[in-house]
N, C-alpha and C. Protein backbone atom coordinates (compact mmCIF):
# COMPACT_ATOMS: atom_id res chain seq x y z
N UNK A 1 0.85 -1.20 0.00
CA UNK A 1 0.00 0.00 0.00
C UNK A 1 0.88 1.24 0.00
N UNK A 2 0.57 2.21 -0.89
CA UNK A 2 1.34 3.44 -1.01
C UNK A 2 0.54 4.61 -0.45
N UNK A 3 1.09 5.27 0.51
CA UNK A 3 0.42 6.42 1.10
C UNK A 3 1.03 7.70 0.54
N UNK A 4 0.21 8.55 0.01
CA UNK A 4 0.64 9.83 -0.51
C UNK A 4 0.22 10.90 0.48
N UNK A 5 1.19 11.64 1.04
CA UNK A 5 0.83 12.68 2.01
C UNK A 5 -0.14 13.72 1.46
N UNK A 6 -0.20 13.84 0.14
CA UNK A 6 -1.11 14.83 -0.46
C UNK A 6 -2.56 14.47 -0.22
N UNK A 7 -2.83 13.19 0.07
CA UNK A 7 -4.21 12.79 0.36
C UNK A 7 -4.73 13.44 1.64
N UNK A 8 -3.85 13.53 2.62
CA UNK A 8 -4.30 13.83 3.97
C UNK A 8 -5.02 15.18 4.10
N UNK A 9 -4.50 16.28 3.55
CA UNK A 9 -5.25 17.53 3.67
C UNK A 9 -6.62 17.46 3.03
N UNK A 10 -6.73 16.78 1.90
CA UNK A 10 -8.02 16.68 1.23
C UNK A 10 -8.98 15.82 2.03
N UNK A 11 -8.49 14.72 2.58
CA UNK A 11 -9.34 13.89 3.42
C UNK A 11 -9.72 14.62 4.71
N UNK A 12 -8.77 15.39 5.25
CA UNK A 12 -9.07 16.16 6.47
C UNK A 12 -10.15 17.20 6.20
N UNK A 13 -10.08 17.83 5.02
CA UNK A 13 -11.13 18.79 4.67
C UNK A 13 -12.48 18.08 4.52
N UNK A 14 -12.44 16.90 3.89
CA UNK A 14 -13.67 16.13 3.77
C UNK A 14 -14.23 15.73 5.12
N UNK A 15 -13.36 15.42 6.06
CA UNK A 15 -13.80 15.07 7.40
C UNK A 15 -14.48 16.26 8.08
N UNK A 16 -13.93 17.45 7.88
CA UNK A 16 -14.55 18.66 8.44
C UNK A 16 -15.96 18.85 7.88
N UNK A 17 -16.12 18.61 6.59
CA UNK A 17 -17.44 18.75 5.98
C UNK A 17 -18.40 17.72 6.57
N UNK A 18 -17.92 16.49 6.72
CA UNK A 18 -18.75 15.44 7.31
C UNK A 18 -19.21 15.82 8.71
N UNK A 19 -18.28 16.29 9.53
CA UNK A 19 -18.63 16.66 10.90
C UNK A 19 -19.61 17.84 10.92
N UNK A 20 -19.43 18.78 10.01
CA UNK A 20 -20.35 19.92 9.95
C UNK A 20 -21.76 19.47 9.57
N UNK A 21 -21.85 18.59 8.59
CA UNK A 21 -23.16 18.09 8.15
C UNK A 21 -23.83 17.32 9.28
N UNK A 22 -23.08 16.45 9.93
CA UNK A 22 -23.66 15.63 11.00
C UNK A 22 -24.09 16.50 12.17
N UNK A 23 -23.26 17.46 12.57
CA UNK A 23 -23.60 18.33 13.70
C UNK A 23 -24.87 19.13 13.41
N UNK A 24 -24.95 19.71 12.22
CA UNK A 24 -26.13 20.50 11.87
C UNK A 24 -27.37 19.62 11.76
N UNK A 25 -27.21 18.44 11.18
CA UNK A 25 -28.35 17.53 11.02
C UNK A 25 -28.88 17.06 12.36
N UNK A 26 -27.98 16.69 13.25
CA UNK A 26 -28.39 16.24 14.57
C UNK A 26 -29.08 17.36 15.33
N UNK A 27 -28.58 18.59 15.19
CA UNK A 27 -29.20 19.74 15.88
C UNK A 27 -30.61 19.97 15.36
N UNK A 28 -30.79 19.93 14.05
CA UNK A 28 -32.12 20.10 13.47
C UNK A 28 -33.04 18.97 13.93
N UNK A 29 -32.52 17.74 13.86
CA UNK A 29 -33.32 16.59 14.29
C UNK A 29 -33.67 16.64 15.76
N UNK A 30 -32.77 17.18 16.56
CA UNK A 30 -33.02 17.29 18.00
C UNK A 30 -34.21 18.21 18.26
N UNK A 31 -34.20 19.38 17.62
CA UNK A 31 -35.29 20.32 17.84
C UNK A 31 -36.63 19.80 17.34
N UNK A 32 -36.64 19.29 16.11
CA UNK A 32 -37.89 18.76 15.56
C UNK A 32 -38.32 17.51 16.31
N UNK A 33 -37.36 16.69 16.68
CA UNK A 33 -37.67 15.43 17.36
C UNK A 33 -38.35 15.65 18.70
N UNK A 34 -37.89 16.63 19.46
CA UNK A 34 -38.53 16.92 20.75
C UNK A 34 -39.96 17.38 20.54
N UNK A 35 -40.18 18.24 19.55
CA UNK A 35 -41.54 18.71 19.27
C UNK A 35 -42.45 17.55 18.85
N UNK A 36 -41.93 16.67 18.01
CA UNK A 36 -42.71 15.51 17.58
C UNK A 36 -43.03 14.60 18.76
N UNK A 37 -42.05 14.40 19.63
CA UNK A 37 -42.26 13.52 20.78
C UNK A 37 -43.32 14.11 21.72
N UNK A 38 -43.22 15.40 21.99
CA UNK A 38 -44.22 16.05 22.85
C UNK A 38 -45.59 15.96 22.19
N UNK A 39 -45.62 16.16 20.86
CA UNK A 39 -46.89 16.06 20.16
C UNK A 39 -47.50 14.68 20.25
N UNK A 40 -46.66 13.65 20.15
CA UNK A 40 -47.17 12.28 20.21
C UNK A 40 -47.65 11.90 21.60
N UNK A 41 -47.06 12.50 22.62
CA UNK A 41 -47.43 12.12 23.99
C UNK A 41 -48.57 12.98 24.53
N UNK A 42 -48.54 14.27 24.28
CA UNK A 42 -49.45 15.18 24.97
C UNK A 42 -50.48 15.86 24.06
N UNK A 43 -50.27 15.89 22.76
CA UNK A 43 -51.14 16.68 21.89
C UNK A 43 -52.48 16.00 21.65
N UNK A 44 -53.48 16.74 21.16
CA UNK A 44 -54.75 16.13 20.78
C UNK A 44 -54.54 15.10 19.66
N UNK A 45 -55.53 14.26 19.47
CA UNK A 45 -55.39 13.14 18.55
C UNK A 45 -55.01 13.54 17.12
N UNK A 46 -55.62 14.56 16.51
CA UNK A 46 -55.22 14.92 15.14
C UNK A 46 -53.74 15.26 15.02
N UNK A 47 -53.21 15.98 16.01
CA UNK A 47 -51.79 16.33 15.97
C UNK A 47 -50.94 15.09 16.19
N UNK A 48 -51.39 14.20 17.05
CA UNK A 48 -50.66 12.95 17.25
C UNK A 48 -50.58 12.17 15.95
N UNK A 49 -51.68 12.16 15.18
CA UNK A 49 -51.68 11.45 13.90
C UNK A 49 -50.70 12.08 12.90
N UNK A 50 -50.66 13.41 12.88
CA UNK A 50 -49.72 14.09 11.98
C UNK A 50 -48.27 13.78 12.36
N UNK A 51 -47.99 13.80 13.65
CA UNK A 51 -46.64 13.47 14.11
C UNK A 51 -46.28 12.03 13.76
N UNK A 52 -47.23 11.12 13.96
CA UNK A 52 -46.99 9.72 13.64
C UNK A 52 -46.78 9.53 12.14
N UNK A 53 -47.53 10.28 11.31
CA UNK A 53 -47.38 10.16 9.86
C UNK A 53 -45.99 10.64 9.43
N UNK A 54 -45.52 11.74 10.01
CA UNK A 54 -44.18 12.24 9.71
C UNK A 54 -43.13 11.17 10.05
N UNK A 55 -43.25 10.63 11.24
CA UNK A 55 -42.28 9.64 11.69
C UNK A 55 -42.33 8.40 10.81
N UNK A 56 -43.52 7.96 10.47
CA UNK A 56 -43.65 6.77 9.63
C UNK A 56 -43.04 6.98 8.25
N UNK A 57 -43.25 8.17 7.68
CA UNK A 57 -42.71 8.44 6.35
C UNK A 57 -41.19 8.41 6.35
N UNK A 58 -40.58 9.12 7.28
CA UNK A 58 -39.12 9.24 7.27
C UNK A 58 -38.43 7.97 7.78
N UNK A 59 -39.10 7.18 8.56
CA UNK A 59 -38.52 5.91 8.98
C UNK A 59 -38.82 4.80 7.99
N UNK A 60 -39.85 4.99 7.18
CA UNK A 60 -40.27 3.93 6.27
C UNK A 60 -39.73 4.05 4.87
N UNK A 61 -39.03 5.14 4.56
CA UNK A 61 -38.44 5.31 3.24
C UNK A 61 -36.92 5.43 3.37
N UNK A 62 -36.18 4.99 2.35
CA UNK A 62 -34.72 5.03 2.44
C UNK A 62 -34.18 6.45 2.54
N UNK A 63 -33.15 6.60 3.32
CA UNK A 63 -32.52 7.92 3.48
C UNK A 63 -31.99 8.43 2.14
N UNK A 64 -31.47 7.53 1.33
CA UNK A 64 -30.95 7.96 0.02
C UNK A 64 -32.06 8.54 -0.85
N UNK A 65 -33.23 7.94 -0.80
CA UNK A 65 -34.36 8.46 -1.57
C UNK A 65 -34.74 9.85 -1.07
N UNK A 66 -34.76 10.04 0.23
CA UNK A 66 -35.08 11.35 0.79
C UNK A 66 -34.04 12.40 0.36
N UNK A 67 -32.78 11.99 0.33
CA UNK A 67 -31.71 12.89 -0.09
C UNK A 67 -31.90 13.29 -1.55
N UNK A 68 -32.26 12.32 -2.40
CA UNK A 68 -32.48 12.61 -3.81
C UNK A 68 -33.68 13.52 -4.02
N UNK A 69 -34.73 13.32 -3.23
CA UNK A 69 -35.92 14.19 -3.34
C UNK A 69 -35.55 15.63 -3.03
N UNK A 70 -34.75 15.83 -1.98
CA UNK A 70 -34.37 17.19 -1.59
C UNK A 70 -33.47 17.83 -2.64
N UNK A 71 -32.46 17.09 -3.11
CA UNK A 71 -31.46 17.69 -4.00
C UNK A 71 -31.95 17.80 -5.44
N UNK A 72 -32.60 16.75 -5.96
CA UNK A 72 -33.03 16.74 -7.35
C UNK A 72 -34.51 17.08 -7.51
N UNK A 73 -35.32 16.80 -6.48
CA UNK A 73 -36.75 17.00 -6.60
C UNK A 73 -37.21 18.41 -6.30
N UNK A 74 -36.66 19.04 -5.27
CA UNK A 74 -37.10 20.38 -4.89
C UNK A 74 -36.89 21.43 -5.98
N UNK A 75 -35.82 21.34 -6.79
CA UNK A 75 -35.66 22.34 -7.86
C UNK A 75 -36.83 22.41 -8.83
N UNK A 76 -37.57 21.31 -8.99
CA UNK A 76 -38.74 21.34 -9.87
C UNK A 76 -39.85 22.21 -9.29
N UNK A 77 -39.76 22.51 -7.98
CA UNK A 77 -40.72 23.39 -7.32
C UNK A 77 -40.12 24.77 -7.07
N UNK A 78 -39.00 25.02 -7.71
CA UNK A 78 -38.37 26.33 -7.58
C UNK A 78 -37.49 26.49 -6.37
N UNK A 79 -37.17 25.40 -5.69
CA UNK A 79 -36.32 25.46 -4.49
C UNK A 79 -35.03 24.73 -4.80
N UNK A 80 -33.96 25.48 -4.96
CA UNK A 80 -32.66 24.89 -5.30
C UNK A 80 -31.70 25.09 -4.13
N UNK A 81 -31.17 23.99 -3.65
CA UNK A 81 -30.23 24.02 -2.52
C UNK A 81 -28.89 23.46 -2.96
N UNK A 82 -27.84 23.90 -2.32
CA UNK A 82 -26.52 23.33 -2.57
C UNK A 82 -26.47 21.91 -2.04
N UNK A 83 -25.45 21.18 -2.45
CA UNK A 83 -25.29 19.81 -1.96
C UNK A 83 -25.14 19.80 -0.44
N UNK A 84 -24.40 20.76 0.08
CA UNK A 84 -24.20 20.85 1.52
C UNK A 84 -25.51 21.08 2.25
N UNK A 85 -26.29 22.06 1.80
CA UNK A 85 -27.57 22.37 2.43
C UNK A 85 -28.57 21.23 2.25
N UNK A 86 -28.55 20.60 1.09
CA UNK A 86 -29.47 19.48 0.84
C UNK A 86 -29.18 18.32 1.78
N UNK A 87 -27.90 18.03 2.00
CA UNK A 87 -27.53 16.94 2.91
C UNK A 87 -28.00 17.25 4.33
N UNK A 88 -27.78 18.48 4.77
CA UNK A 88 -28.20 18.86 6.12
C UNK A 88 -29.71 18.74 6.27
N UNK A 89 -30.45 19.24 5.29
CA UNK A 89 -31.91 19.21 5.37
C UNK A 89 -32.43 17.78 5.36
N UNK A 90 -31.96 16.97 4.42
CA UNK A 90 -32.44 15.60 4.32
C UNK A 90 -32.08 14.79 5.56
N UNK A 91 -30.84 14.89 6.00
CA UNK A 91 -30.42 14.14 7.18
C UNK A 91 -31.13 14.65 8.43
N UNK A 92 -31.32 15.97 8.51
CA UNK A 92 -31.99 16.54 9.68
C UNK A 92 -33.43 16.07 9.80
N UNK A 93 -34.16 16.10 8.69
CA UNK A 93 -35.55 15.64 8.71
C UNK A 93 -35.64 14.16 9.01
N UNK A 94 -34.68 13.39 8.49
CA UNK A 94 -34.68 11.95 8.73
C UNK A 94 -34.39 11.61 10.18
N UNK A 95 -33.32 12.19 10.70
CA UNK A 95 -32.95 11.85 12.08
C UNK A 95 -33.97 12.36 13.08
N UNK A 96 -34.73 13.40 12.72
CA UNK A 96 -35.78 13.90 13.61
C UNK A 96 -36.80 12.81 13.91
N UNK A 97 -37.12 12.01 12.90
CA UNK A 97 -38.11 10.94 13.10
C UNK A 97 -37.60 9.91 14.09
N UNK A 98 -36.33 9.55 13.98
CA UNK A 98 -35.77 8.57 14.90
C UNK A 98 -35.58 9.15 16.30
N UNK A 99 -35.09 10.39 16.35
CA UNK A 99 -34.91 11.01 17.66
C UNK A 99 -36.26 11.18 18.36
N UNK A 100 -37.31 11.46 17.60
CA UNK A 100 -38.63 11.62 18.20
C UNK A 100 -39.06 10.37 18.95
N UNK A 101 -38.78 9.21 18.39
CA UNK A 101 -39.16 7.97 19.06
C UNK A 101 -38.32 7.72 20.31
N UNK A 102 -37.06 8.09 20.25
CA UNK A 102 -36.23 7.98 21.46
C UNK A 102 -36.75 8.92 22.55
N UNK A 103 -37.05 10.15 22.17
CA UNK A 103 -37.55 11.12 23.14
C UNK A 103 -38.91 10.70 23.70
N UNK A 104 -39.76 10.18 22.83
CA UNK A 104 -41.08 9.75 23.29
C UNK A 104 -40.94 8.65 24.35
N UNK A 105 -40.08 7.68 24.10
CA UNK A 105 -39.87 6.64 25.10
C UNK A 105 -39.34 7.18 26.40
N UNK A 106 -38.43 8.16 26.31
CA UNK A 106 -37.86 8.74 27.52
C UNK A 106 -38.89 9.56 28.28
N UNK A 107 -39.73 10.31 27.56
CA UNK A 107 -40.78 11.09 28.22
C UNK A 107 -41.75 10.17 28.94
N UNK A 108 -42.10 9.08 28.30
CA UNK A 108 -43.04 8.14 28.91
C UNK A 108 -42.41 7.38 30.08
N UNK A 109 -41.07 7.37 30.14
CA UNK A 109 -40.39 6.72 31.26
C UNK A 109 -40.43 7.59 32.52
N UNK A 110 -40.68 8.89 32.34
CA UNK A 110 -40.83 9.77 33.52
C UNK A 110 -42.19 9.51 34.14
N UNK A 111 -42.22 9.30 35.42
CA UNK A 111 -43.46 8.95 36.10
C UNK A 111 -44.54 10.00 35.86
N UNK A 112 -45.72 9.52 35.46
CA UNK A 112 -46.82 10.43 35.15
C UNK A 112 -47.25 11.28 36.33
N UNK A 113 -47.05 10.78 37.56
CA UNK A 113 -47.44 11.54 38.73
C UNK A 113 -46.69 12.85 38.86
N UNK A 114 -45.52 12.97 38.24
CA UNK A 114 -44.76 14.20 38.33
C UNK A 114 -45.44 15.33 37.56
N UNK A 115 -46.02 15.00 36.42
CA UNK A 115 -46.77 16.00 35.67
C UNK A 115 -47.98 16.46 36.47
N UNK A 116 -48.68 15.52 37.08
CA UNK A 116 -49.85 15.87 37.88
C UNK A 116 -49.45 16.73 39.07
N UNK A 117 -48.34 16.38 39.70
CA UNK A 117 -47.88 17.16 40.85
C UNK A 117 -47.50 18.58 40.44
N UNK A 118 -46.83 18.70 39.28
CA UNK A 118 -46.43 20.02 38.81
C UNK A 118 -47.65 20.89 38.52
N UNK A 119 -48.67 20.29 37.89
CA UNK A 119 -49.88 21.07 37.59
C UNK A 119 -50.64 21.43 38.87
N UNK A 120 -50.56 20.55 39.86
CA UNK A 120 -51.30 20.80 41.10
C UNK A 120 -50.72 21.95 41.92
N UNK A 121 -49.43 22.25 41.70
CA UNK A 121 -48.82 23.37 42.44
C UNK A 121 -48.86 24.66 41.63
N UNK A 122 -49.58 24.65 40.52
CA UNK A 122 -49.80 25.88 39.77
C UNK A 122 -48.97 26.06 38.52
N UNK A 123 -48.18 25.08 38.16
CA UNK A 123 -47.40 25.19 36.92
C UNK A 123 -48.32 25.04 35.71
N UNK A 124 -48.00 25.78 34.66
CA UNK A 124 -48.72 25.59 33.40
C UNK A 124 -48.22 24.30 32.74
N UNK A 125 -48.92 23.87 31.71
CA UNK A 125 -48.48 22.66 31.00
C UNK A 125 -47.08 22.85 30.44
N UNK A 126 -46.84 24.02 29.83
CA UNK A 126 -45.52 24.26 29.25
C UNK A 126 -44.44 24.25 30.31
N UNK A 127 -44.69 24.86 31.44
CA UNK A 127 -43.70 24.87 32.52
C UNK A 127 -43.44 23.46 33.03
N UNK A 128 -44.48 22.67 33.18
CA UNK A 128 -44.31 21.30 33.67
C UNK A 128 -43.48 20.47 32.72
N UNK A 129 -43.73 20.63 31.41
CA UNK A 129 -42.96 19.86 30.42
C UNK A 129 -41.51 20.32 30.39
N UNK A 130 -41.30 21.63 30.32
CA UNK A 130 -39.95 22.17 30.15
C UNK A 130 -39.11 22.04 31.42
N UNK A 131 -39.71 22.26 32.58
CA UNK A 131 -38.94 22.28 33.83
C UNK A 131 -38.91 20.96 34.58
N UNK A 132 -39.90 20.11 34.35
CA UNK A 132 -39.98 18.86 35.12
C UNK A 132 -39.73 17.64 34.25
N UNK A 133 -40.46 17.51 33.16
CA UNK A 133 -40.40 16.28 32.36
C UNK A 133 -39.15 16.21 31.48
N UNK A 134 -38.92 17.26 30.69
CA UNK A 134 -37.82 17.21 29.73
C UNK A 134 -36.44 17.05 30.36
N UNK A 135 -36.11 17.75 31.46
CA UNK A 135 -34.78 17.55 32.04
C UNK A 135 -34.51 16.10 32.41
N UNK A 136 -35.52 15.42 32.92
CA UNK A 136 -35.34 14.01 33.25
C UNK A 136 -35.29 13.14 32.00
N UNK A 137 -36.17 13.44 31.03
CA UNK A 137 -36.22 12.65 29.80
C UNK A 137 -34.90 12.75 29.02
N UNK A 138 -34.31 13.93 28.99
CA UNK A 138 -33.08 14.11 28.24
C UNK A 138 -31.91 13.36 28.87
N UNK A 139 -31.98 13.14 30.16
CA UNK A 139 -30.95 12.33 30.80
C UNK A 139 -31.19 10.84 30.55
N UNK A 140 -32.44 10.46 30.58
CA UNK A 140 -32.78 9.05 30.35
C UNK A 140 -32.46 8.62 28.93
N UNK A 141 -32.62 9.53 27.98
CA UNK A 141 -32.56 9.15 26.56
C UNK A 141 -31.14 8.97 26.04
N UNK A 142 -30.14 9.42 26.77
CA UNK A 142 -28.77 9.43 26.24
C UNK A 142 -28.31 8.08 25.71
N UNK A 143 -28.50 6.95 26.42
CA UNK A 143 -28.00 5.67 25.87
C UNK A 143 -28.57 5.33 24.51
N UNK A 144 -29.88 5.50 24.33
CA UNK A 144 -30.48 5.18 23.04
C UNK A 144 -30.21 6.27 22.01
N UNK A 145 -30.23 7.53 22.43
CA UNK A 145 -29.98 8.63 21.50
C UNK A 145 -28.57 8.58 20.94
N UNK A 146 -27.62 8.10 21.72
CA UNK A 146 -26.24 8.02 21.24
C UNK A 146 -26.13 7.09 20.03
N UNK A 147 -27.00 6.08 19.95
CA UNK A 147 -27.00 5.21 18.78
C UNK A 147 -27.32 6.00 17.52
N UNK A 148 -28.24 6.94 17.62
CA UNK A 148 -28.62 7.73 16.45
C UNK A 148 -27.48 8.60 15.97
N UNK A 149 -26.73 9.18 16.89
CA UNK A 149 -25.59 10.01 16.50
C UNK A 149 -24.55 9.18 15.78
N UNK A 150 -24.26 7.99 16.30
CA UNK A 150 -23.26 7.13 15.67
C UNK A 150 -23.74 6.65 14.29
N UNK A 151 -25.02 6.30 14.19
CA UNK A 151 -25.55 5.89 12.90
C UNK A 151 -25.50 7.03 11.89
N UNK A 152 -25.80 8.24 12.33
CA UNK A 152 -25.77 9.37 11.42
C UNK A 152 -24.35 9.66 10.94
N UNK A 153 -23.37 9.45 11.80
CA UNK A 153 -21.97 9.61 11.37
C UNK A 153 -21.67 8.69 10.20
N UNK A 154 -22.17 7.47 10.26
CA UNK A 154 -21.90 6.50 9.20
C UNK A 154 -22.78 6.73 7.98
N UNK A 155 -24.07 6.99 8.21
CA UNK A 155 -24.99 7.17 7.09
C UNK A 155 -24.70 8.44 6.30
N UNK A 156 -24.02 9.39 6.92
CA UNK A 156 -23.71 10.63 6.21
C UNK A 156 -22.83 10.38 5.00
N UNK A 157 -22.21 9.22 4.94
CA UNK A 157 -21.31 8.92 3.82
C UNK A 157 -22.05 8.85 2.48
N UNK A 158 -23.38 8.68 2.49
CA UNK A 158 -24.11 8.62 1.22
C UNK A 158 -24.24 9.98 0.57
N UNK A 159 -23.82 11.05 1.25
CA UNK A 159 -23.93 12.39 0.68
C UNK A 159 -23.07 12.54 -0.56
N UNK A 160 -22.10 11.66 -0.75
CA UNK A 160 -21.28 11.75 -1.95
C UNK A 160 -22.13 11.54 -3.21
N UNK A 161 -23.31 10.92 -3.04
CA UNK A 161 -24.19 10.64 -4.18
C UNK A 161 -24.73 11.93 -4.80
N UNK A 162 -24.70 13.04 -4.07
CA UNK A 162 -25.14 14.33 -4.63
C UNK A 162 -23.94 15.26 -4.79
N UNK A 163 -22.78 14.66 -4.96
CA UNK A 163 -21.52 15.37 -5.28
C UNK A 163 -20.96 16.18 -4.11
N UNK A 164 -21.44 15.94 -2.91
CA UNK A 164 -20.86 16.64 -1.77
C UNK A 164 -19.47 16.09 -1.49
N UNK A 165 -18.50 16.99 -1.34
CA UNK A 165 -17.13 16.56 -1.10
C UNK A 165 -16.87 16.43 0.40
N UNK A 166 -17.60 15.53 1.02
CA UNK A 166 -17.33 15.18 2.41
C UNK A 166 -16.22 14.15 2.42
N UNK A 167 -16.06 13.45 3.52
CA UNK A 167 -14.98 12.47 3.61
C UNK A 167 -15.09 11.42 2.52
N UNK A 168 -16.28 10.87 2.34
CA UNK A 168 -16.47 9.85 1.31
C UNK A 168 -16.37 10.45 -0.09
N UNK A 169 -16.89 11.66 -0.28
CA UNK A 169 -16.80 12.31 -1.58
C UNK A 169 -15.36 12.59 -1.99
N UNK A 170 -14.55 13.06 -1.05
CA UNK A 170 -13.14 13.29 -1.34
C UNK A 170 -12.43 11.97 -1.65
N UNK A 171 -12.76 10.94 -0.88
CA UNK A 171 -12.13 9.63 -1.12
C UNK A 171 -12.47 9.11 -2.51
N UNK A 172 -13.73 9.26 -2.91
CA UNK A 172 -14.14 8.79 -4.24
C UNK A 172 -13.39 9.54 -5.33
N UNK A 173 -13.23 10.84 -5.16
CA UNK A 173 -12.52 11.64 -6.17
C UNK A 173 -11.05 11.25 -6.22
N UNK A 174 -10.42 11.10 -5.06
CA UNK A 174 -9.00 10.73 -5.03
C UNK A 174 -8.81 9.33 -5.62
N UNK A 175 -9.66 8.40 -5.24
CA UNK A 175 -9.53 7.03 -5.73
C UNK A 175 -9.71 6.98 -7.25
N UNK A 176 -10.63 7.78 -7.77
CA UNK A 176 -10.85 7.79 -9.21
C UNK A 176 -9.66 8.33 -9.99
N UNK A 177 -8.95 9.27 -9.38
CA UNK A 177 -7.79 9.85 -10.06
C UNK A 177 -6.54 8.99 -9.91
N UNK A 178 -6.38 8.37 -8.75
CA UNK A 178 -5.17 7.61 -8.47
C UNK A 178 -5.31 6.12 -8.78
N UNK A 179 -6.54 5.66 -9.03
CA UNK A 179 -6.80 4.23 -9.27
C UNK A 179 -6.27 3.36 -8.14
N UNK A 180 -6.51 3.83 -6.91
CA UNK A 180 -6.08 3.09 -5.72
C UNK A 180 -7.28 2.97 -4.79
N UNK A 181 -8.30 2.28 -5.28
CA UNK A 181 -9.56 2.21 -4.55
C UNK A 181 -9.42 1.49 -3.22
N UNK A 182 -8.77 0.36 -3.22
CA UNK A 182 -8.65 -0.42 -1.98
C UNK A 182 -7.93 0.38 -0.91
N UNK A 183 -6.81 0.95 -1.25
CA UNK A 183 -6.00 1.65 -0.26
C UNK A 183 -6.73 2.86 0.31
N UNK A 184 -7.31 3.66 -0.58
CA UNK A 184 -7.94 4.89 -0.12
C UNK A 184 -9.20 4.61 0.70
N UNK A 185 -10.02 3.67 0.24
CA UNK A 185 -11.23 3.36 0.98
C UNK A 185 -10.90 2.69 2.32
N UNK A 186 -9.78 1.99 2.37
CA UNK A 186 -9.36 1.41 3.65
C UNK A 186 -8.97 2.51 4.63
N UNK A 187 -8.29 3.54 4.13
CA UNK A 187 -7.94 4.69 4.97
C UNK A 187 -9.20 5.39 5.46
N UNK A 188 -10.17 5.57 4.56
CA UNK A 188 -11.43 6.21 4.94
C UNK A 188 -12.16 5.39 5.99
N UNK A 189 -12.15 4.07 5.83
CA UNK A 189 -12.78 3.21 6.83
C UNK A 189 -12.12 3.40 8.19
N UNK A 190 -10.81 3.58 8.20
CA UNK A 190 -10.10 3.81 9.46
C UNK A 190 -10.51 5.16 10.07
N UNK A 191 -10.71 6.17 9.22
CA UNK A 191 -11.20 7.47 9.70
C UNK A 191 -12.54 7.31 10.40
N UNK A 192 -13.48 6.63 9.74
CA UNK A 192 -14.81 6.45 10.33
C UNK A 192 -14.72 5.63 11.62
N UNK A 193 -13.90 4.61 11.61
CA UNK A 193 -13.77 3.77 12.80
C UNK A 193 -13.24 4.58 13.98
N UNK A 194 -12.23 5.39 13.73
CA UNK A 194 -11.67 6.23 14.79
C UNK A 194 -12.70 7.25 15.27
N UNK A 195 -13.42 7.83 14.33
CA UNK A 195 -14.42 8.84 14.68
C UNK A 195 -15.53 8.24 15.54
N UNK A 196 -16.02 7.08 15.12
CA UNK A 196 -17.09 6.43 15.88
C UNK A 196 -16.60 6.04 17.27
N UNK A 197 -15.37 5.57 17.36
CA UNK A 197 -14.81 5.19 18.66
C UNK A 197 -14.73 6.39 19.60
N UNK A 198 -14.22 7.51 19.09
CA UNK A 198 -14.09 8.71 19.92
C UNK A 198 -15.45 9.20 20.39
N UNK A 199 -16.40 9.28 19.47
CA UNK A 199 -17.74 9.75 19.82
C UNK A 199 -18.39 8.81 20.83
N UNK A 200 -18.22 7.50 20.63
CA UNK A 200 -18.80 6.52 21.55
C UNK A 200 -18.27 6.70 22.96
N UNK A 201 -16.97 6.92 23.08
CA UNK A 201 -16.37 7.10 24.39
C UNK A 201 -16.85 8.39 25.06
N UNK A 202 -16.96 9.46 24.28
CA UNK A 202 -17.44 10.72 24.84
C UNK A 202 -18.88 10.59 25.31
N UNK A 203 -19.70 9.91 24.52
CA UNK A 203 -21.10 9.74 24.91
C UNK A 203 -21.22 8.84 26.14
N UNK A 204 -20.35 7.86 26.24
CA UNK A 204 -20.37 6.99 27.41
C UNK A 204 -20.02 7.77 28.68
N UNK A 205 -19.05 8.67 28.57
CA UNK A 205 -18.71 9.51 29.71
C UNK A 205 -19.87 10.42 30.09
N UNK A 206 -20.52 10.98 29.09
CA UNK A 206 -21.67 11.85 29.35
C UNK A 206 -22.80 11.06 30.01
N UNK A 207 -23.04 9.86 29.53
CA UNK A 207 -24.09 9.01 30.10
C UNK A 207 -23.83 8.73 31.57
N UNK A 208 -22.60 8.41 31.92
CA UNK A 208 -22.27 8.13 33.32
C UNK A 208 -22.42 9.37 34.18
N UNK A 209 -22.10 10.51 33.61
CA UNK A 209 -22.11 11.74 34.40
C UNK A 209 -23.52 12.19 34.76
N UNK A 210 -24.47 11.98 33.86
CA UNK A 210 -25.82 12.50 34.08
C UNK A 210 -26.84 11.40 34.33
N UNK A 211 -26.39 10.16 34.46
CA UNK A 211 -27.34 9.05 34.62
C UNK A 211 -28.20 9.21 35.88
N UNK A 212 -29.47 8.82 35.76
CA UNK A 212 -30.38 8.80 36.89
C UNK A 212 -30.46 7.36 37.39
N UNK A 213 -29.98 7.06 38.59
CA UNK A 213 -30.01 5.67 39.07
C UNK A 213 -31.41 5.08 39.05
N UNK A 214 -31.51 3.90 38.46
CA UNK A 214 -32.80 3.19 38.44
C UNK A 214 -33.71 3.54 37.31
N UNK A 215 -33.33 4.55 36.50
CA UNK A 215 -34.17 4.94 35.37
C UNK A 215 -33.42 4.74 34.07
N UNK A 216 -34.17 4.45 33.02
CA UNK A 216 -33.57 4.30 31.70
C UNK A 216 -34.61 3.97 30.70
N UNK A 217 -34.28 4.18 29.45
CA UNK A 217 -35.20 3.88 28.36
C UNK A 217 -34.54 2.87 27.44
N UNK A 218 -35.22 1.84 27.01
CA UNK A 218 -34.63 0.86 26.14
C UNK A 218 -34.22 1.46 24.81
N UNK A 219 -33.12 0.96 24.25
CA UNK A 219 -32.66 1.45 22.96
C UNK A 219 -33.53 0.94 21.84
N UNK A 220 -33.37 1.57 20.70
CA UNK A 220 -34.15 1.21 19.50
C UNK A 220 -33.22 1.28 18.32
N UNK A 221 -33.23 0.27 17.52
CA UNK A 221 -32.34 0.24 16.35
C UNK A 221 -33.16 0.35 15.08
N UNK A 222 -32.48 0.69 13.99
CA UNK A 222 -33.17 0.87 12.72
C UNK A 222 -33.38 -0.46 12.04
């Protein structure tokens, strides 16, 4: 195997793009996911149905198809996004559906009597959710939610399909020029492996730091 030092800056730049896409997507999914989870648990039935339909659509269709709809489909409606923005939007909407289910399970793991107690002392519904339920749910959800972050790190590699020069996109371009597919993709696999390992360890430390003894929500896989 021949390593060319010229690869490294380009792969490093691709890694930065990957991390930016994943961070933005997870943030978007976090915000939407919490709203969907609250809607599924506390909202009137019509809103619960809408939330469930959103979750079913994004969990029931391939992420690659969703990415293609955003990048190639939206321009037909006059909405044109860059590859970078398209990846963030598609991944963000997709991960929101999965995060919503994690959050819903965590919210339901908080004892219902706490909501009743909060309302009985004069708290509004919003105050009870924001100050009592969510702080506990967000601590409970970490073990299962961490799976979504790790999966998104790996699934983000499909963004090369819309010409985004993330880590995988840079690797594809370099491999095509150098005709060293095995070597370059092996290096990229090592990048992802190291990244997933580091993130896993950081999330494990966070989980231990904020864990609530005796409480937890079961994980969910795709």
